[in-house]
Protein backbone atom coordinates (compact mmCIF):
# COMPACT_ATOMS: atom_id res chain seq x y z
CA MET A 1 -62.66 27.11 96.14
CA SER A 2 -64.96 26.00 93.77
CA HIS A 3 -64.61 26.20 90.12
CA ARG A 4 -66.74 26.12 87.22
CA PRO A 5 -66.18 23.35 84.31
CA TYR A 6 -65.75 24.86 80.96
CA ARG A 7 -69.10 26.61 79.82
CA THR A 8 -70.52 24.80 76.93
CA ARG A 9 -72.41 28.00 75.80
CA VAL A 10 -69.93 30.70 75.05
CA ALA A 11 -71.29 34.27 75.35
CA ASN A 12 -68.77 35.93 73.07
CA LEU A 13 -65.46 35.67 71.47
CA SER A 14 -63.36 36.91 74.29
CA GLN A 15 -64.61 34.25 76.51
CA GLU A 16 -64.38 31.68 73.84
CA ILE A 17 -60.49 32.39 73.42
CA GLY A 18 -60.00 32.89 77.29
CA LEU A 19 -59.52 36.58 77.32
CA THR A 20 -61.52 37.03 80.43
CA ARG A 21 -61.28 37.29 84.28
CA PRO A 22 -60.34 34.01 85.50
CA ASP A 23 -63.42 32.02 87.14
CA ALA A 24 -61.74 32.67 90.60
CA GLY A 25 -61.33 36.33 90.25
CA TRP A 26 -58.29 38.29 88.67
CA TRP A 27 -55.63 37.39 91.37
CA ALA A 28 -57.63 34.95 93.58
CA TRP A 29 -56.18 31.86 91.52
CA LEU A 30 -52.66 32.64 92.65
CA ARG A 31 -53.69 31.05 95.95
CA ASP A 32 -55.15 28.07 94.31
CA LEU A 33 -53.51 24.87 95.51
CA GLN A 34 -53.25 23.32 91.96
CA PHE A 35 -51.76 26.44 90.73
CA VAL A 36 -49.15 26.73 93.73
CA ALA A 37 -48.46 22.99 93.24
CA ALA A 38 -47.68 23.52 89.50
CA VAL A 39 -45.52 26.55 90.35
CA LEU A 40 -43.69 24.32 93.19
CA ALA A 41 -43.38 21.30 90.84
CA ALA A 42 -41.05 23.07 88.62
CA ALA A 43 -38.20 23.68 90.99
CA PRO A 44 -37.19 20.04 90.99
CA VAL A 45 -37.28 19.85 87.24
CA TRP A 46 -34.92 23.01 87.07
CA LEU A 47 -32.69 21.40 89.58
CA ALA A 48 -32.58 17.82 87.56
CA LEU A 49 -31.97 19.73 84.33
CA GLY A 50 -29.12 21.72 85.74
CA LEU A 51 -27.51 18.31 87.05
CA THR A 52 -28.10 16.36 84.02
CA VAL A 53 -27.96 18.64 80.97
CA GLY A 54 -25.64 21.18 82.66
CA ASP A 55 -23.76 23.53 80.31
CA ARG A 56 -25.76 22.34 77.27
CA MET A 57 -28.42 24.55 78.57
CA GLN A 58 -28.63 27.77 76.47
CA VAL A 59 -28.79 31.12 78.20
CA PRO A 60 -30.91 33.62 76.43
CA ALA A 61 -28.37 36.24 74.79
CA GLY A 62 -28.85 39.61 75.97
CA LEU A 63 -31.93 41.52 77.69
CA SER A 64 -34.28 41.44 74.49
CA ALA A 65 -33.73 37.70 74.09
CA THR A 66 -34.38 37.15 77.74
CA PHE A 67 -37.48 39.39 77.68
CA SER A 68 -38.81 37.41 74.67
CA PHE A 69 -38.04 33.90 76.37
CA VAL A 70 -39.54 34.93 79.69
CA LEU A 71 -42.46 37.33 78.78
CA ALA A 72 -43.13 37.77 74.98
CA ARG A 73 -43.28 34.06 73.93
CA PRO A 74 -45.29 32.56 77.14
CA ILE A 75 -47.90 35.46 76.15
CA ALA A 76 -48.06 34.71 72.49
CA GLU A 77 -47.92 30.91 72.70
CA GLU A 78 -50.63 30.86 75.29
CA PHE A 79 -52.73 33.12 73.44
CA VAL A 80 -52.56 31.13 70.30
CA PHE A 81 -52.36 27.55 71.83
CA ARG A 82 -54.45 27.73 74.89
CA GLY A 83 -56.58 30.68 74.02
CA VAL A 84 -57.38 30.37 70.20
CA LEU A 85 -56.63 26.65 69.55
CA GLN A 86 -57.81 25.23 72.93
CA GLY A 87 -60.73 27.69 72.73
CA GLN A 88 -62.10 26.26 69.54
CA LEU A 89 -61.42 22.79 70.54
CA LEU A 90 -63.41 23.27 73.78
CA ARG A 91 -66.29 24.59 71.62
CA TRP A 92 -66.15 21.60 69.33
CA SER A 93 -65.38 18.97 72.21
CA ALA A 94 -67.42 20.71 75.06
CA SER A 95 -66.16 19.21 78.16
CA ARG A 96 -65.13 15.62 76.73
CA THR A 97 -62.14 14.19 78.85
CA MET A 98 -59.47 11.49 78.63
CA GLY A 99 -58.42 10.59 81.71
CA PRO A 100 -58.05 13.92 83.67
CA PHE A 101 -57.45 16.08 80.60
CA THR A 102 -59.98 17.49 78.02
CA ILE A 103 -59.78 16.44 74.65
CA ALA A 104 -59.13 20.10 73.92
CA ASN A 105 -56.14 20.08 76.22
CA LEU A 106 -54.70 16.97 74.49
CA GLY A 107 -55.06 18.14 71.06
CA THR A 108 -53.50 21.59 72.03
CA THR A 109 -50.61 19.92 73.72
CA ALA A 110 -50.06 17.93 70.29
CA GLY A 111 -49.98 21.02 68.54
CA PHE A 112 -47.58 22.76 70.95
CA VAL A 113 -45.12 19.76 71.02
CA PHE A 114 -45.17 19.68 67.16
CA LEU A 115 -44.42 23.42 66.88
CA HIS A 116 -41.44 22.88 69.29
CA PHE A 117 -40.10 20.07 66.96
CA ALA A 118 -39.27 22.98 64.35
CA ALA A 119 -36.80 24.60 66.69
CA GLN A 120 -35.51 21.99 68.97
CA PRO A 121 -33.95 18.50 69.17
CA PRO A 122 -36.85 15.79 69.51
CA ALA A 123 -35.96 15.05 73.29
CA TRP A 124 -36.41 18.70 74.19
CA ALA A 125 -39.34 19.21 72.08
CA LEU A 126 -41.00 16.15 73.58
CA SER A 127 -40.23 17.58 76.93
CA VAL A 128 -42.79 20.49 76.67
CA ALA A 129 -45.59 18.00 76.78
CA VAL A 130 -46.11 17.74 80.58
CA PRO A 131 -45.83 21.43 81.01
CA SER A 132 -48.19 22.12 78.17
CA LEU A 133 -50.71 19.68 79.81
CA VAL A 134 -50.33 21.69 83.01
CA PHE A 135 -50.96 24.97 81.11
CA GLY A 136 -53.92 23.75 79.42
CA HIS A 137 -55.42 22.57 82.75
CA MET A 138 -55.12 25.65 84.06
CA ARG A 139 -56.74 27.22 81.14
CA ASP A 140 -59.66 24.68 81.71
CA ARG A 141 -59.69 25.03 85.38
CA PHE A 142 -60.19 28.95 85.30
CA GLY A 143 -61.54 29.59 81.87
CA SER A 144 -58.89 31.94 81.07
CA VAL A 145 -55.45 32.14 79.56
CA LEU A 146 -54.11 34.29 82.17
CA PRO A 147 -53.05 31.72 84.75
CA ALA A 148 -51.29 29.69 81.99
CA MET A 149 -49.49 32.90 80.62
CA ILE A 150 -48.33 33.40 84.02
CA LEU A 151 -47.36 29.78 84.82
CA HIS A 152 -45.62 29.55 81.40
CA ALA A 153 -43.58 32.73 82.22
CA ILE A 154 -42.40 31.19 85.59
CA TYR A 155 -41.36 28.22 84.08
CA ASN A 156 -39.35 30.14 81.46
CA ALA A 157 -37.73 32.27 83.88
CA GLY A 158 -36.88 29.34 86.15
CA PHE A 159 -35.13 27.72 83.05
CA ALA A 160 -33.35 30.67 82.09
CA LEU A 161 -32.19 31.36 85.66
CA THR A 162 -31.08 27.69 85.84
CA ALA A 163 -29.02 28.21 82.47
CA TRP A 164 -27.63 31.50 83.61
CA TRP A 165 -26.50 30.03 87.00
CA LEU A 166 -24.55 27.18 85.19
CA HIS A 167 -22.77 29.67 82.89
CA ARG A 168 -22.03 32.27 85.29
């Protein structure tokens, strides 16, 4: 499957902020090896968190908190960070990279980590850096925030299930 790099000429606002069909098609990106690897790589992290952090992991309290953690927050955060912020940074920096990541992804990740410092202890806030880089890579890879939103929801669901399992 070939993927186009981020287009330096943006035709309209919806493309700029990634509210478009992913380059691979609406659902074809689910079979993309990098997307599948990103999903599978999360399972050992959840296991390690369960073994090391254990009962300090917090379970979302109730159905509305779980819905917020697993769906609402990933959609909102990805729209704001990977859609609006990364979209604007991509427009400014085009396809400039630092190693395997675009400058836009690195800048967005810095903002995403900074936001988490407001609500979490420093170690937890810093722990979102790697997933943020993965979400940003998916946004760059497919030219859409949809894969990042889905992946973020999967990561949060795995985290919530791990916490629930430890507290049951």
